[in-house]
Protein backbone atom coordinates (compact mmCIF):
# COMPACT_ATOMS: atom_id res chain seq x y z
CA MET A 1 -24.76 23.50 23.00
CA LYS A 2 -21.14 22.77 23.84
CA ALA A 3 -20.11 19.94 21.55
CA LEU A 4 -17.01 17.78 21.23
CA VAL A 5 -16.40 16.15 17.85
CA THR A 6 -13.83 13.37 17.75
CA GLY A 7 -12.36 13.07 14.28
CA GLY A 8 -13.57 16.56 13.48
CA GLY A 9 -10.94 16.96 10.79
CA GLY A 10 -12.14 13.91 8.85
CA PHE A 11 -14.60 13.67 5.99
CA ILE A 12 -17.86 13.38 7.94
CA GLY A 13 -16.50 15.03 11.07
CA ARG A 14 -15.63 18.36 9.46
CA HIS A 15 -19.14 18.61 8.00
CA VAL A 16 -20.59 17.99 11.46
CA VAL A 17 -18.32 20.71 12.85
CA ARG A 18 -19.36 23.23 10.19
CA LYS A 19 -23.05 22.59 10.75
CA LEU A 20 -22.70 22.95 14.52
CA LEU A 21 -20.79 26.22 14.15
CA ALA A 22 -23.27 27.53 11.58
CA ARG A 23 -26.12 27.22 14.04
CA GLY A 24 -24.17 28.88 16.85
CA ASP A 25 -22.95 25.94 18.90
CA CYS A 26 -19.59 25.99 20.67
CA VAL A 27 -17.38 23.29 19.14
CA ARG A 28 -14.24 21.53 20.27
CA VAL A 29 -12.47 19.06 17.99
CA PHE A 30 -10.38 16.15 19.25
CA SER A 31 -8.17 14.73 16.54
CA ARG A 32 -4.64 13.56 15.81
CA GLY A 33 -4.07 16.32 13.22
CA ARG A 34 -3.79 20.10 13.52
CA TYR A 35 -6.44 21.21 10.98
CA PRO A 36 -5.88 24.99 10.95
CA ASP A 37 -8.79 25.39 8.51
CA ILE A 38 -11.16 24.01 11.14
CA ALA A 39 -9.68 26.27 13.80
CA ALA A 40 -10.14 29.23 11.45
CA LEU A 41 -13.87 28.53 11.39
CA GLY A 42 -14.05 29.07 15.14
CA ALA A 43 -13.65 25.58 16.57
CA GLU A 44 -11.18 24.74 19.32
CA VAL A 45 -8.84 22.03 18.04
CA ILE A 46 -7.16 19.69 20.53
CA ARG A 47 -4.63 17.15 19.35
CA GLY A 48 -4.74 13.74 20.95
CA ASP A 49 -5.20 10.02 20.52
CA LEU A 50 -8.34 8.04 21.34
CA GLN A 51 -6.19 5.42 23.05
CA ASP A 52 -5.05 8.02 25.59
CA ALA A 53 -7.83 7.85 28.19
CA ALA A 54 -6.66 10.93 30.09
CA ALA A 55 -6.55 13.03 26.91
CA VAL A 56 -10.05 11.92 25.93
CA ALA A 57 -11.38 12.75 29.39
CA ALA A 58 -9.82 16.21 29.28
CA ALA A 59 -11.32 16.87 25.85
CA CYS A 60 -14.81 15.95 27.10
CA GLU A 61 -14.72 18.42 29.98
CA GLY A 62 -17.63 20.86 29.82
CA ALA A 63 -19.30 19.21 26.84
CA ASP A 64 -23.05 18.77 26.64
CA CYS A 65 -22.81 16.34 23.74
CA VAL A 66 -20.04 14.25 22.19
CA PHE A 67 -20.10 13.29 18.53
CA HIS A 68 -17.79 10.29 18.33
CA VAL A 69 -16.94 10.23 14.63
CA ALA A 70 -13.28 9.20 14.75
CA ALA A 71 -12.35 5.64 13.81
CA ARG A 72 -9.81 3.64 11.90
CA PRO A 73 -11.43 2.75 8.52
CA GLY A 74 -10.34 0.21 5.95
CA VAL A 75 -10.95 -3.28 4.66
CA TRP A 76 -7.56 -4.77 5.50
CA GLY A 77 -5.24 -4.98 8.47
CA SER A 78 -4.75 -6.82 11.74
CA TYR A 79 -7.49 -7.04 14.33
CA ALA A 80 -5.19 -5.44 16.90
CA ALA A 81 -4.59 -2.41 14.66
CA PHE A 82 -8.33 -1.76 14.46
CA TYR A 83 -9.19 -2.75 18.03
CA GLY A 84 -7.14 0.01 19.66
CA PRO A 85 -8.77 3.07 18.04
CA ASN A 86 -12.20 1.58 17.35
CA VAL A 87 -12.97 -0.40 20.50
CA SER A 88 -10.60 0.84 23.20
CA GLY A 89 -11.00 4.38 21.90
CA THR A 90 -14.78 4.15 22.06
CA ARG A 91 -14.62 2.73 25.57
CA HIS A 92 -12.47 5.72 26.58
CA VAL A 93 -15.06 8.09 25.10
CA ILE A 94 -17.89 6.44 27.05
CA ASP A 95 -15.88 6.49 30.28
CA ALA A 96 -14.94 10.13 29.71
CA CYS A 97 -18.58 11.08 29.11
CA ARG A 98 -19.53 9.57 32.47
CA ARG A 99 -16.57 11.14 34.27
CA GLN A 100 -17.32 14.60 32.83
CA ARG A 101 -21.10 14.23 33.13
CA VAL A 102 -21.76 14.55 29.42
CA SER A 103 -25.44 13.81 28.86
CA ARG A 104 -25.51 12.83 25.16
CA LEU A 105 -23.31 10.70 22.91
CA VAL A 106 -23.82 10.34 19.13
CA PHE A 107 -21.75 7.52 17.64
CA THR A 108 -20.89 7.22 13.96
CA SER A 109 -21.27 3.56 13.10
CA SER A 110 -21.62 1.77 9.74
CA PRO A 111 -23.96 -0.73 8.03
CA SER A 112 -20.92 -3.00 7.79
CA VAL A 113 -21.62 -3.96 11.42
CA ILE A 114 -24.54 -6.10 10.23
CA PHE A 115 -23.17 -7.21 6.84
CA ASP A 116 -23.46 -11.00 6.70
CA ASN A 117 -22.40 -11.65 3.10
CA ARG A 118 -26.04 -11.83 2.00
CA ALA A 119 -28.17 -9.42 -0.01
CA HIS A 120 -29.96 -6.77 2.07
CA ARG A 121 -33.05 -5.37 0.38
CA GLY A 122 -34.87 -2.73 2.38
CA ALA A 123 -33.51 -4.21 5.62
CA ASP A 124 -34.25 -2.39 8.86
CA GLU A 125 -32.52 -2.13 12.23
CA SER A 126 -33.92 -5.49 13.41
CA LEU A 127 -31.18 -7.18 11.35
CA PRO A 128 -28.84 -8.82 13.90
CA TYR A 129 -25.09 -8.69 14.08
CA PRO A 130 -23.58 -11.62 12.13
CA GLU A 131 -21.82 -14.44 13.93
CA ARG A 132 -18.67 -13.92 11.83
CA PHE A 133 -17.03 -10.91 10.20
CA GLU A 134 -14.78 -10.97 7.16
CA ASN A 135 -12.69 -7.94 8.11
CA PRO A 136 -11.51 -6.37 11.37
CA TYR A 137 -13.09 -2.98 10.62
CA SER A 138 -16.62 -4.42 10.58
CA ARG A 139 -15.95 -6.52 13.65
CA THR A 140 -14.46 -3.72 15.73
CA LYS A 141 -17.14 -1.22 14.68
CA ALA A 142 -19.79 -3.73 15.75
CA GLU A 143 -18.06 -4.16 19.10
CA ALA A 144 -17.89 -0.39 19.53
CA GLU A 145 -21.53 0.09 18.54
CA ARG A 146 -22.60 -2.48 21.11
CA LEU A 147 -20.62 -0.67 23.80
CA VAL A 148 -22.27 2.63 22.92
CA LEU A 149 -25.82 1.32 22.81
CA GLU A 150 -25.48 -0.73 25.97
CA ALA A 151 -24.10 2.34 27.78
CA SER A 152 -27.32 4.31 27.31
CA ASP A 153 -29.03 5.11 30.60
CA ASN A 154 -30.60 8.03 32.46
CA SER A 155 -27.28 9.82 32.91
CA LEU A 156 -25.86 9.23 29.41
CA LEU A 157 -28.18 8.99 26.41
CA THR A 158 -26.56 7.35 23.41
CA VAL A 159 -27.43 6.70 19.78
CA ALA A 160 -25.63 5.05 16.84
CA LEU A 161 -25.91 6.22 13.23
CA ARG A 162 -25.09 3.95 10.29
CA PRO A 163 -24.50 6.14 7.20
CA HIS A 164 -23.96 3.97 4.14
CA LEU A 165 -21.25 4.59 1.50
CA VAL A 166 -20.80 8.29 2.20
CA PHE A 167 -19.70 10.47 -0.71
CA GLY A 168 -19.48 14.15 -1.62
CA PRO A 169 -16.91 16.93 -2.09
CA GLY A 170 -13.74 16.10 -0.21
CA ASP A 171 -14.38 12.34 -0.23
CA PRO A 172 -10.98 10.76 0.53
CA HIS A 173 -12.00 7.12 0.16
CA LEU A 174 -14.99 5.85 -1.79
CA LEU A 175 -15.12 7.53 -5.20
CA PRO A 176 -11.40 8.39 -5.49
CA ARG A 177 -10.61 4.67 -5.18
CA VAL A 178 -13.07 3.79 -7.95
CA ILE A 179 -11.71 6.55 -10.17
CA ALA A 180 -8.09 5.56 -9.55
CA LYS A 181 -8.82 1.97 -10.58
CA ALA A 182 -10.65 3.16 -13.70
CA ARG A 183 -7.73 5.38 -14.72
CA ARG A 184 -5.33 2.45 -14.36
CA GLY A 185 -7.64 0.18 -16.33
CA GLU A 186 -8.03 -2.10 -13.31
CA LEU A 187 -11.75 -1.61 -12.63
CA VAL A 188 -13.67 -4.86 -13.12
CA GLN A 189 -17.41 -5.32 -12.75
CA ILE A 190 -18.15 -7.93 -10.11
CA GLY A 191 -21.45 -9.75 -10.40
CA ASP A 192 -24.14 -9.43 -13.05
CA GLY A 193 -24.44 -5.66 -12.64
CA ALA A 194 -28.05 -5.77 -11.46
CA ASN A 195 -27.37 -5.07 -7.78
CA CYS A 196 -28.80 -1.96 -6.14
CA VAL A 197 -27.18 -0.08 -3.26
CA ASP A 198 -27.80 2.92 -1.05
CA LEU A 199 -25.36 5.82 -0.78
CA THR A 200 -25.33 8.83 1.52
CA TYR A 201 -24.42 12.39 0.60
CA VAL A 202 -22.05 13.76 3.23
CA GLU A 203 -24.10 16.89 3.99
CA ASP A 204 -27.13 14.75 4.79
CA ALA A 205 -25.03 12.35 6.85
CA ALA A 206 -23.77 15.30 8.92
CA GLU A 207 -27.28 16.71 9.30
CA ALA A 208 -28.42 13.36 10.69
CA HIS A 209 -25.84 13.72 13.48
CA LEU A 210 -27.28 17.04 14.60
CA LEU A 211 -30.82 15.72 14.40
CA ALA A 212 -29.84 12.71 16.51
CA ALA A 213 -28.21 14.90 19.16
CA ASP A 214 -31.28 17.10 19.38
CA ALA A 215 -33.66 14.12 19.44
CA LEU A 216 -31.76 12.61 22.37
CA GLY A 217 -33.14 15.48 24.42
CA GLY A 218 -36.52 13.78 24.12
CA ARG A 219 -34.92 10.36 24.82
CA ARG A 220 -36.77 8.62 21.97
CA PRO A 221 -33.67 7.44 20.05
CA ALA A 222 -31.67 6.52 23.17
CA GLY A 223 -29.99 3.14 22.91
CA LYS A 224 -30.97 2.60 19.25
CA PRO A 225 -29.11 2.30 15.93
CA TYR A 226 -30.30 4.11 12.78
CA PHE A 227 -29.58 3.54 9.11
CA ILE A 228 -28.83 6.79 7.29
CA THR A 229 -28.96 6.95 3.47
CA GLN A 230 -30.46 9.08 0.70
CA GLY A 231 -33.40 6.69 0.64
CA GLU A 232 -32.90 6.31 -3.11
CA PRO A 233 -31.17 3.04 -4.06
CA VAL A 234 -29.30 3.07 -7.36
CA ASN A 235 -28.09 0.36 -9.69
CA LEU A 236 -24.48 0.35 -8.55
CA TRP A 237 -22.67 -0.45 -11.77
CA ARG A 238 -24.86 1.78 -13.92
CA TRP A 239 -24.25 4.60 -11.44
CA ILE A 240 -20.48 3.99 -11.54
CA ARG A 241 -20.46 3.98 -15.34
CA ASP A 242 -22.45 7.23 -15.48
CA LEU A 243 -20.06 8.82 -12.97
CA LEU A 244 -16.99 7.79 -14.93
CA ALA A 245 -18.54 8.93 -18.22
CA ALA A 246 -19.22 12.36 -16.70
CA LEU A 247 -15.50 12.53 -15.86
CA GLY A 248 -14.47 11.44 -19.35
CA LEU A 249 -13.34 8.02 -18.13
CA LYS A 250 -14.19 4.54 -19.35
CA GLY A 251 -16.12 2.05 -17.29
CA PRO A 252 -15.09 -1.54 -16.60
CA LYS A 253 -14.53 -3.71 -19.67
CA ARG A 254 -14.48 -7.06 -17.90
CA THR A 255 -16.96 -8.87 -15.67
CA VAL A 256 -16.19 -11.44 -13.01
CA SER A 257 -18.83 -13.49 -11.22
CA ALA A 258 -19.32 -12.86 -7.52
CA ALA A 259 -18.24 -16.42 -6.67
CA ASN A 260 -15.03 -16.18 -8.67
CA ALA A 261 -14.29 -12.71 -7.26
CA ARG A 262 -14.60 -14.06 -3.73
CA ARG A 263 -12.24 -16.92 -4.60
CA VAL A 264 -9.70 -14.44 -5.93
CA GLY A 265 -10.18 -12.27 -2.86
CA ALA A 266 -9.57 -15.21 -0.53
CA LEU A 267 -6.42 -16.14 -2.47
CA LEU A 268 -5.04 -12.60 -2.36
CA GLU A 269 -5.81 -12.31 1.35
CA GLY A 270 -3.94 -15.54 1.99
CA ILE A 271 -0.91 -14.40 -0.02
CA HIS A 272 -0.79 -11.08 1.85
CA ARG A 273 -0.91 -12.84 5.22
CA LEU A 274 1.62 -15.50 4.28
CA LEU A 275 4.16 -13.11 2.78
CA ARG A 276 3.28 -10.20 5.10
CA LEU A 277 3.00 -7.89 2.13
CA PRO A 278 2.56 -4.13 2.70
CA GLY A 279 -0.64 -2.32 1.75
CA GLU A 280 -3.85 -4.20 1.08
CA PRO A 281 -4.86 -6.88 -1.43
CA ARG A 282 -6.24 -5.64 -4.75
CA LEU A 283 -9.45 -7.46 -3.83
CA THR A 284 -10.88 -9.00 -0.66
CA ARG A 285 -13.88 -11.25 -0.09
CA PHE A 286 -15.72 -8.45 1.71
CA VAL A 287 -15.21 -5.97 -1.14
CA ALA A 288 -16.24 -8.58 -3.71
CA SER A 289 -19.53 -9.14 -1.92
CA GLU A 290 -20.13 -5.43 -1.43
CA LEU A 291 -19.70 -4.84 -5.16
CA ALA A 292 -21.89 -7.75 -6.24
CA LEU A 293 -24.81 -7.86 -3.80
CA ASP A 294 -27.83 -5.69 -3.12
CA HIS A 295 -27.47 -3.65 0.06
CA TYR A 296 -30.00 -0.93 0.68
CA TYR A 297 -31.83 -0.09 3.87
CA ASP A 298 -35.11 1.15 5.28
CA ILE A 299 -34.65 4.60 6.86
CA SER A 300 -38.18 4.83 8.28
CA ARG A 301 -36.94 4.73 11.85
CA ALA A 302 -34.61 7.69 11.23
CA ARG A 303 -37.43 9.61 9.55
CA ASN A 304 -39.84 8.94 12.40
CA ASP A 305 -37.56 9.24 15.44
CA LEU A 306 -35.00 11.82 14.27
CA GLY A 307 -36.98 13.80 11.72
CA TYR A 308 -34.36 12.83 9.15
CA ALA A 309 -35.22 13.72 5.57
CA PRO A 310 -32.46 13.83 2.92
CA ARG A 311 -32.23 17.33 1.47
CA HIS A 312 -30.63 16.14 -1.76
CA ASP A 313 -31.71 13.54 -4.27
CA MET A 314 -29.03 11.39 -5.85
CA ALA A 315 -28.84 13.48 -9.02
CA GLN A 316 -28.30 16.68 -7.00
CA ALA A 317 -25.73 15.00 -4.76
CA LEU A 318 -23.74 13.77 -7.74
CA SER A 319 -23.84 17.16 -9.48
CA LEU A 320 -22.48 18.79 -6.33
CA THR A 321 -19.71 16.19 -6.11
CA LEU A 322 -18.51 16.13 -9.72
CA PRO A 323 -16.67 19.51 -9.71
CA ASP A 324 -14.53 18.34 -6.79
CA LEU A 325 -13.74 15.04 -8.51
CA GLU A 326 -12.91 16.83 -11.79
CA ALA A 327 -10.52 19.16 -9.97
CA ARG A 328 -8.60 16.17 -8.65
CA LEU A 329 -8.12 14.44 -12.01
């Protein structure tokens, strides 16, 4: 297979690239960075921006399948800043696939596209998009996912994957943020500490992308979204405390109710907007809810349609991640 991976130098993207190369596929990476380590593995690396339609079209030339992993992540920022890469960029990828006659498109989405500020316990893909979003990332990813799924037809088969809270060696976002707050003594437990969440080990998230691409050949997953997790929900705050203890760090000493945390988040968001402060608020309403509520998902559809089966349990995934986190302390 000749594959194009947008964002192939990112956390999930580089794992997708490695797995494709390991099985003998020809891989091209489209990204804003140079990534000589990826090129050294045998991938062709092309620098470009998703908002450059001509560059995206050129990168898609000759591809059998496009893995659209690139996106602007984050919980804070203007809608316009997220719309360009996440929505316009995705539209350019779809248009390029049609122009270059690419037959398969695998889109990396997120469960945040259906997060409605309520607990999700074993929810499946029938959960609708919410009427309102509390951050531009979730909103623009939902818009992009809709574009991808609605584009699926006989000439271009598409699928959207929703890996949840991805972690593992090389994680640049999730666990390093938690650890940094713990080291500064700023980590506060939000909620009663009883909430359970799903996480996804990065190797399994990447494997799901290859399975989805292969399954599109049989058309079964075309036009559908899929939750991807380890299928093993954990008590979030107990898991965080165990992680920090393994690193020789202390867990949170204070607890704030979910309602009060959301009030604080709303206040900090308002101050940042009013004063146009740089960076992001120390807490937002979305993050407060994510840290206080249950959110775990049914992955039966991915098991049945894609043949997805996590190769690591949560204990194994954490043991494989800890050495990398220790090296960064």
